[in-house]
Amino acid sequence: MSNQDRIRRQQRFREAEGYLDLATCLSDRWPLDLASRLRLGRRAVRTLDQLDTEGRGRPRAQCLRGQAFLLMEKYGEAIRCFRQAALCDDENVHIWLALGACYRKTDRLDLAIQALEQAAAIDYCNAAVQYKLACYWSLLGKVEPAVRHLGRAIDQDGRFRERAFNDADFDLVRRDPLFLAATTASV
């Protein structure tokens, strides 16, 4: 691959990332409507379609494609992309987190937990992984594993304590004494 081809390839990756960033950078405060997310997601996919994604660029391209499909709420396609990325880069925690999110959106909490267990096997101390595992177990109404993973997340990052207290994912276990003990800050 020539130097010019490498530069062009990098530009395409950055362009696709830019579309995804536009859609998500302020989504916690000002989420985009579905039409806008579809438009930006399609642009990201079209940009990625212009790439030669053999070799080292394949997992990155599949991750970005998966993120675009997740943004567009096309979860089946996103799952396929993240699975492909995981085949090439099975040690990437972010791929497993994204795959878990897709499975959650399709009400496959069993598969979401499996994906997050894979992420935990890679990086056991990752607070986000532990927190999401707690969420998924909680959604199944399983208090003990939910609280165990939540405790690990809080141990790694205390901000998860307050987040869990307000997170709707914990509604099924919120009144349980184990949950209350985990989310009550010790003095």
C-alpha atoms as a PDB file:
ATOM      1  CA  MET A   1       0.000   0.000   0.000  1.00  0.00           C
ATOM      2  CA  SER A   2       1.417   3.347  -0.985  1.00  0.00           C
ATOM      3  CA  ASN A   3       1.825   6.205   1.459  1.00  0.00           C
ATOM      4  CA  GLN A   4      -0.928   8.129  -0.326  1.00  0.00           C
ATOM      5  CA  ASP A   5      -3.289   5.144   0.024  1.00  0.00           C
ATOM      6  CA  ARG A   6      -2.525   4.924   3.750  1.00  0.00           C
ATOM      7  CA  ILE A   7      -3.279   8.619   4.176  1.00  0.00           C
ATOM      8  CA  ARG A   8      -6.541   8.287   2.247  1.00  0.00           C
ATOM      9  CA  ARG A   9      -7.487   5.288   4.358  1.00  0.00           C
ATOM     10  CA  GLN A  10      -6.806   7.200   7.594  1.00  0.00           C
ATOM     11  CA  GLN A  11      -8.911  10.074   6.323  1.00  0.00           C
ATOM     12  CA  ARG A  12     -11.824   7.708   5.667  1.00  0.00           C
ATOM     13  CA  PHE A  13     -11.557   6.248   9.164  1.00  0.00           C
ATOM     14  CA  ARG A  14     -11.495   9.724  10.675  1.00  0.00           C
ATOM     15  CA  GLU A  15     -14.426  10.845   8.553  1.00  0.00           C
ATOM     16  CA  ALA A  16     -16.529   7.870   9.697  1.00  0.00           C
ATOM     17  CA  GLU A  17     -15.507   8.500  13.316  1.00  0.00           C
ATOM     18  CA  GLY A  18     -16.459  12.143  12.868  1.00  0.00           C
ATOM     19  CA  TYR A  19     -20.006  11.284  11.795  1.00  0.00           C
ATOM     20  CA  LEU A  20     -20.382   9.015  14.807  1.00  0.00           C
ATOM     21  CA  ASP A  21     -18.940  11.654  17.141  1.00  0.00           C
ATOM     22  CA  LEU A  22     -21.382  14.237  15.790  1.00  0.00           C
ATOM     23  CA  ALA A  23     -24.252  11.950  16.672  1.00  0.00           C
ATOM     24  CA  THR A  24     -23.066  10.978  20.138  1.00  0.00           C
ATOM     25  CA  CYS A  25     -20.854  13.683  21.634  1.00  0.00           C
ATOM     26  CA  LEU A  26     -23.680  15.566  23.351  1.00  0.00           C
ATOM     27  CA  SER A  27     -26.310  12.834  23.332  1.00  0.00           C
ATOM     28  CA  ASP A  28     -26.530  12.676  27.119  1.00  0.00           C
ATOM     29  CA  ARG A  29     -27.851  16.262  27.170  1.00  0.00           C
ATOM     30  CA  TRP A  30     -29.300  16.770  23.713  1.00  0.00           C
ATOM     31  CA  PRO A  31     -29.994  13.445  21.996  1.00  0.00           C
ATOM     32  CA  LEU A  32     -30.548  13.524  18.271  1.00  0.00           C
ATOM     33  CA  ASP A  33     -33.811  12.400  16.768  1.00  0.00           C
ATOM     34  CA  LEU A  34     -33.826   9.091  14.916  1.00  0.00           C
ATOM     35  CA  ALA A  35     -33.884  10.750  11.464  1.00  0.00           C
ATOM     36  CA  SER A  36     -30.666  12.632  12.219  1.00  0.00           C
ATOM     37  CA  ARG A  37     -29.028   9.532  13.684  1.00  0.00           C
ATOM     38  CA  LEU A  38     -30.020   7.559  10.592  1.00  0.00           C
ATOM     39  CA  ARG A  39     -28.555  10.217   8.322  1.00  0.00           C
ATOM     40  CA  LEU A  40     -25.219  10.329  10.193  1.00  0.00           C
ATOM     41  CA  GLY A  41     -25.093   6.549  10.551  1.00  0.00           C
ATOM     42  CA  ARG A  42     -25.630   6.055   6.816  1.00  0.00           C
ATOM     43  CA  ARG A  43     -22.882   8.551   6.043  1.00  0.00           C
ATOM     44  CA  ALA A  44     -20.504   6.669   8.318  1.00  0.00           C
ATOM     45  CA  VAL A  45     -21.372   3.357   6.637  1.00  0.00           C
ATOM     46  CA  ARG A  46     -20.967   4.835   3.123  1.00  0.00           C
ATOM     47  CA  THR A  47     -17.570   6.202   4.119  1.00  0.00           C
ATOM     48  CA  LEU A  48     -16.516   2.822   5.493  1.00  0.00           C
ATOM     49  CA  ASP A  49     -17.721   1.148   2.292  1.00  0.00           C
ATOM     50  CA  GLN A  50     -15.005   3.079   0.474  1.00  0.00           C
ATOM     51  CA  LEU A  51     -12.269   1.407   2.544  1.00  0.00           C
ATOM     52  CA  ASP A  52     -10.164  -1.582   1.681  1.00  0.00           C
ATOM     53  CA  THR A  53     -10.471  -3.292   5.067  1.00  0.00           C
ATOM     54  CA  GLU A  54      -8.190  -6.262   4.715  1.00  0.00           C
ATOM     55  CA  GLY A  55      -5.643  -7.005   7.388  1.00  0.00           C
ATOM     56  CA  ARG A  56      -5.125  -4.688  10.334  1.00  0.00           C
ATOM     57  CA  GLY A  57      -7.922  -2.250   9.503  1.00  0.00           C
ATOM     58  CA  ARG A  58     -10.665  -4.862   9.513  1.00  0.00           C
ATOM     59  CA  PRO A  59     -11.520  -4.861  13.263  1.00  0.00           C
ATOM     60  CA  ARG A  60     -11.529  -1.063  13.366  1.00  0.00           C
ATOM     61  CA  ALA A  61     -13.791  -0.829  10.332  1.00  0.00           C
ATOM     62  CA  GLN A  62     -16.154  -3.478  11.718  1.00  0.00           C
ATOM     63  CA  CYS A  63     -16.315  -1.659  15.078  1.00  0.00           C
ATOM     64  CA  LEU A  64     -17.133   1.634  13.407  1.00  0.00           C
ATOM     65  CA  ARG A  65     -19.703  -0.053  11.183  1.00  0.00           C
ATOM     66  CA  GLY A  66     -21.218  -1.695  14.270  1.00  0.00           C
ATOM     67  CA  GLN A  67     -21.364   1.653  16.054  1.00  0.00           C
ATOM     68  CA  ALA A  68     -23.123   3.175  13.054  1.00  0.00           C
ATOM     69  CA  PHE A  69     -25.713   0.394  12.997  1.00  0.00           C
ATOM     70  CA  LEU A  70     -26.177   0.697  16.770  1.00  0.00           C
ATOM     71  CA  LEU A  71     -26.755   4.421  16.306  1.00  0.00           C
ATOM     72  CA  MET A  72     -29.358   3.649  13.634  1.00  0.00           C
ATOM     73  CA  GLU A  73     -31.019   1.066  15.924  1.00  0.00           C
ATOM     74  CA  LYS A  74     -30.214  -1.734  13.484  1.00  0.00           C
ATOM     75  CA  TYR A  75     -29.135  -4.101  16.229  1.00  0.00           C
ATOM     76  CA  GLY A  76     -28.913  -7.321  14.223  1.00  0.00           C
ATOM     77  CA  GLU A  77     -26.504  -5.718  11.761  1.00  0.00           C
ATOM     78  CA  ALA A  78     -24.546  -4.149  14.626  1.00  0.00           C
ATOM     79  CA  ILE A  79     -24.231  -7.548  16.309  1.00  0.00           C
ATOM     80  CA  ARG A  80     -22.870  -9.087  13.108  1.00  0.00           C
ATOM     81  CA  CYS A  81     -20.271  -6.326  12.804  1.00  0.00           C
ATOM     82  CA  PHE A  82     -19.143  -6.544  16.424  1.00  0.00           C
ATOM     83  CA  ARG A  83     -18.924 -10.343  16.197  1.00  0.00           C
ATOM     84  CA  GLN A  84     -16.710  -9.987  13.126  1.00  0.00           C
ATOM     85  CA  ALA A  85     -14.554  -7.468  14.980  1.00  0.00           C
ATOM     86  CA  ALA A  86     -14.281  -9.829  17.952  1.00  0.00           C
ATOM     87  CA  LEU A  87     -13.060 -12.623  15.669  1.00  0.00           C
ATOM     88  CA  CYS A  88     -10.151 -10.391  14.660  1.00  0.00           C
ATOM     89  CA  ASP A  89      -9.555  -8.693  18.013  1.00  0.00           C
ATOM     90  CA  ASP A  90     -10.986 -10.784  20.835  1.00  0.00           C
ATOM     91  CA  GLU A  91      -8.988  -8.914  23.498  1.00  0.00           C
ATOM     92  CA  ASN A  92     -10.728  -5.582  22.875  1.00  0.00           C
ATOM     93  CA  VAL A  93     -12.977  -4.812  25.847  1.00  0.00           C
ATOM     94  CA  HIS A  94     -14.828  -2.103  23.901  1.00  0.00           C
ATOM     95  CA  ILE A  95     -16.009  -4.611  21.312  1.00  0.00           C
ATOM     96  CA  TRP A  96     -17.480  -6.836  24.028  1.00  0.00           C
ATOM     97  CA  LEU A  97     -19.126  -3.851  25.746  1.00  0.00           C
ATOM     98  CA  ALA A  98     -20.732  -2.795  22.460  1.00  0.00           C
ATOM     99  CA  LEU A  99     -21.838  -6.343  21.739  1.00  0.00           C
ATOM    100  CA  GLY A 100     -23.404  -6.516  25.192  1.00  0.00           C
ATOM    101  CA  ALA A 101     -25.258  -3.264  24.554  1.00  0.00           C
ATOM    102  CA  CYS A 102     -26.654  -4.648  21.301  1.00  0.00           C
ATOM    103  CA  TYR A 103     -27.818  -7.845  22.955  1.00  0.00           C
ATOM    104  CA  ARG A 104     -29.482  -5.818  25.696  1.00  0.00           C
ATOM    105  CA  LYS A 105     -31.351  -3.791  23.060  1.00  0.00           C
ATOM    106  CA  THR A 106     -32.644  -7.041  21.547  1.00  0.00           C
ATOM    107  CA  ASP A 107     -33.728  -8.374  24.971  1.00  0.00           C
ATOM    108  CA  ARG A 108     -31.070 -11.087  24.948  1.00  0.00           C
ATOM    109  CA  LEU A 109     -29.736 -10.440  28.431  1.00  0.00           C
ATOM    110  CA  ASP A 110     -28.225 -13.930  28.569  1.00  0.00           C
ATOM    111  CA  LEU A 111     -26.004 -13.091  25.589  1.00  0.00           C
ATOM    112  CA  ALA A 112     -25.336  -9.591  26.936  1.00  0.00           C
ATOM    113  CA  ILE A 113     -24.029 -11.152  30.148  1.00  0.00           C
ATOM    114  CA  GLN A 114     -21.877 -13.607  28.174  1.00  0.00           C
ATOM    115  CA  ALA A 115     -20.345 -10.744  26.195  1.00  0.00           C
ATOM    116  CA  LEU A 116     -19.623  -8.770  29.360  1.00  0.00           C
ATOM    117  CA  GLU A 117     -18.170 -11.853  31.081  1.00  0.00           C
ATOM    118  CA  GLN A 118     -15.770 -12.069  28.136  1.00  0.00           C
ATOM    119  CA  ALA A 119     -14.859  -8.407  28.690  1.00  0.00           C
ATOM    120  CA  ALA A 120     -14.354  -9.056  32.412  1.00  0.00           C
ATOM    121  CA  ALA A 121     -12.040 -11.957  31.588  1.00  0.00           C
ATOM    122  CA  ILE A 122      -9.908  -9.503  29.610  1.00  0.00           C
ATOM    123  CA  ASP A 123     -10.015  -6.627  32.119  1.00  0.00           C
ATOM    124  CA  TYR A 124     -11.471  -7.688  35.452  1.00  0.00           C
ATOM    125  CA  CYS A 125     -10.885  -4.263  37.007  1.00  0.00           C
ATOM    126  CA  ASN A 126     -12.780  -2.330  34.352  1.00  0.00           C
ATOM    127  CA  ALA A 127     -15.461  -0.453  36.306  1.00  0.00           C
ATOM    128  CA  ALA A 128     -17.701   0.056  33.248  1.00  0.00           C
ATOM    129  CA  VAL A 129     -17.708  -3.684  32.521  1.00  0.00           C
ATOM    130  CA  GLN A 130     -18.562  -4.517  36.134  1.00  0.00           C
ATOM    131  CA  TYR A 131     -21.281  -1.867  36.207  1.00  0.00           C
ATOM    132  CA  LYS A 132     -22.926  -3.131  33.018  1.00  0.00           C
ATOM    133  CA  LEU A 133     -22.796  -6.692  34.342  1.00  0.00           C
ATOM    134  CA  ALA A 134     -24.569  -5.429  37.466  1.00  0.00           C
ATOM    135  CA  CYS A 135     -27.209  -3.741  35.290  1.00  0.00           C
ATOM    136  CA  TYR A 136     -27.857  -6.850  33.209  1.00  0.00           C
ATOM    137  CA  TRP A 137     -28.110  -9.141  36.253  1.00  0.00           C
ATOM    138  CA  SER A 138     -30.432  -6.630  37.878  1.00  0.00           C
ATOM    139  CA  LEU A 139     -32.680  -6.550  34.823  1.00  0.00           C
ATOM    140  CA  LEU A 140     -33.036 -10.305  35.286  1.00  0.00           C
ATOM    141  CA  GLY A 141     -33.950  -9.719  38.938  1.00  0.00           C
ATOM    142  CA  LYS A 142     -30.829 -11.514  40.181  1.00  0.00           C
ATOM    143  CA  VAL A 143     -29.821  -9.512  43.248  1.00  0.00           C
ATOM    144  CA  GLU A 144     -26.667 -11.316  44.378  1.00  0.00           C
ATOM    145  CA  PRO A 145     -24.703 -11.196  41.091  1.00  0.00           C
ATOM    146  CA  ALA A 146     -25.983  -7.668  40.447  1.00  0.00           C
ATOM    147  CA  VAL A 147     -24.732  -6.426  43.810  1.00  0.00           C
ATOM    148  CA  ARG A 148     -21.451  -8.351  43.528  1.00  0.00           C
ATOM    149  CA  HIS A 149     -20.626  -6.693  40.188  1.00  0.00           C
ATOM    150  CA  LEU A 150     -21.902  -3.329  41.369  1.00  0.00           C
ATOM    151  CA  GLY A 151     -19.616  -3.541  44.394  1.00  0.00           C
ATOM    152  CA  ARG A 152     -16.644  -4.201  42.105  1.00  0.00           C
ATOM    153  CA  ALA A 153     -17.600  -1.229  39.921  1.00  0.00           C
ATOM    154  CA  ILE A 154     -17.929   1.074  42.929  1.00  0.00           C
ATOM    155  CA  ASP A 155     -14.596  -0.155  44.320  1.00  0.00           C
ATOM    156  CA  GLN A 156     -12.959   0.874  41.036  1.00  0.00           C
ATOM    157  CA  ASP A 157     -14.859   4.130  40.590  1.00  0.00           C
ATOM    158  CA  GLY A 158     -16.987   5.581  43.376  1.00  0.00           C
ATOM    159  CA  ARG A 159     -19.097   7.583  40.909  1.00  0.00           C
ATOM    160  CA  PHE A 160     -20.964   4.396  40.054  1.00  0.00           C
ATOM    161  CA  ARG A 161     -22.561   4.436  43.524  1.00  0.00           C
ATOM    162  CA  GLU A 162     -24.682   7.511  42.774  1.00  0.00           C
ATOM    163  CA  ARG A 163     -25.254   6.454  39.194  1.00  0.00           C
ATOM    164  CA  ALA A 164     -26.641   3.100  40.326  1.00  0.00           C
ATOM    165  CA  PHE A 165     -28.901   4.748  42.852  1.00  0.00           C
ATOM    166  CA  ASN A 166     -30.648   6.638  40.023  1.00  0.00           C
ATOM    167  CA  ASP A 167     -30.326   4.058  37.205  1.00  0.00           C
ATOM    168  CA  ALA A 168     -33.645   2.522  36.096  1.00  0.00           C
ATOM    169  CA  ASP A 169     -31.822  -0.750  35.335  1.00  0.00           C
ATOM    170  CA  PHE A 170     -31.792  -1.368  39.094  1.00  0.00           C
ATOM    171  CA  ASP A 171     -35.522  -0.833  39.639  1.00  0.00           C
ATOM    172  CA  LEU A 172     -36.174  -4.559  40.201  1.00  0.00           C
ATOM    173  CA  VAL A 173     -33.582  -4.787  42.991  1.00  0.00           C
ATOM    174  CA  ARG A 174     -33.606  -1.221  44.321  1.00  0.00           C
ATOM    175  CA  ARG A 175     -35.396  -2.041  47.601  1.00  0.00           C
ATOM    176  CA  ASP A 176     -33.352  -5.135  48.360  1.00  0.00           C
ATOM    177  CA  PRO A 177     -31.162  -4.761  51.476  1.00  0.00           C
ATOM    178  CA  LEU A 178     -28.085  -5.974  49.590  1.00  0.00           C
ATOM    179  CA  PHE A 179     -28.546  -3.269  46.962  1.00  0.00           C
ATOM    180  CA  LEU A 180     -29.175  -0.619  49.598  1.00  0.00           C
ATOM    181  CA  ALA A 181     -26.007  -1.632  51.425  1.00  0.00           C
ATOM    182  CA  ALA A 182     -23.973  -1.449  48.204  1.00  0.00           C
ATOM    183  CA  THR A 183     -25.270   1.993  47.255  1.00  0.00           C
ATOM    184  CA  THR A 184     -25.157   3.563  50.702  1.00  0.00           C
ATOM    185  CA  ALA A 185     -21.862   5.341  51.197  1.00  0.00           C
ATOM    186  CA  SER A 186     -20.088   4.320  54.369  1.00  0.00           C
ATOM    187  CA  VAL A 187     -19.013   7.133  56.664  1.00  0.00           C
END
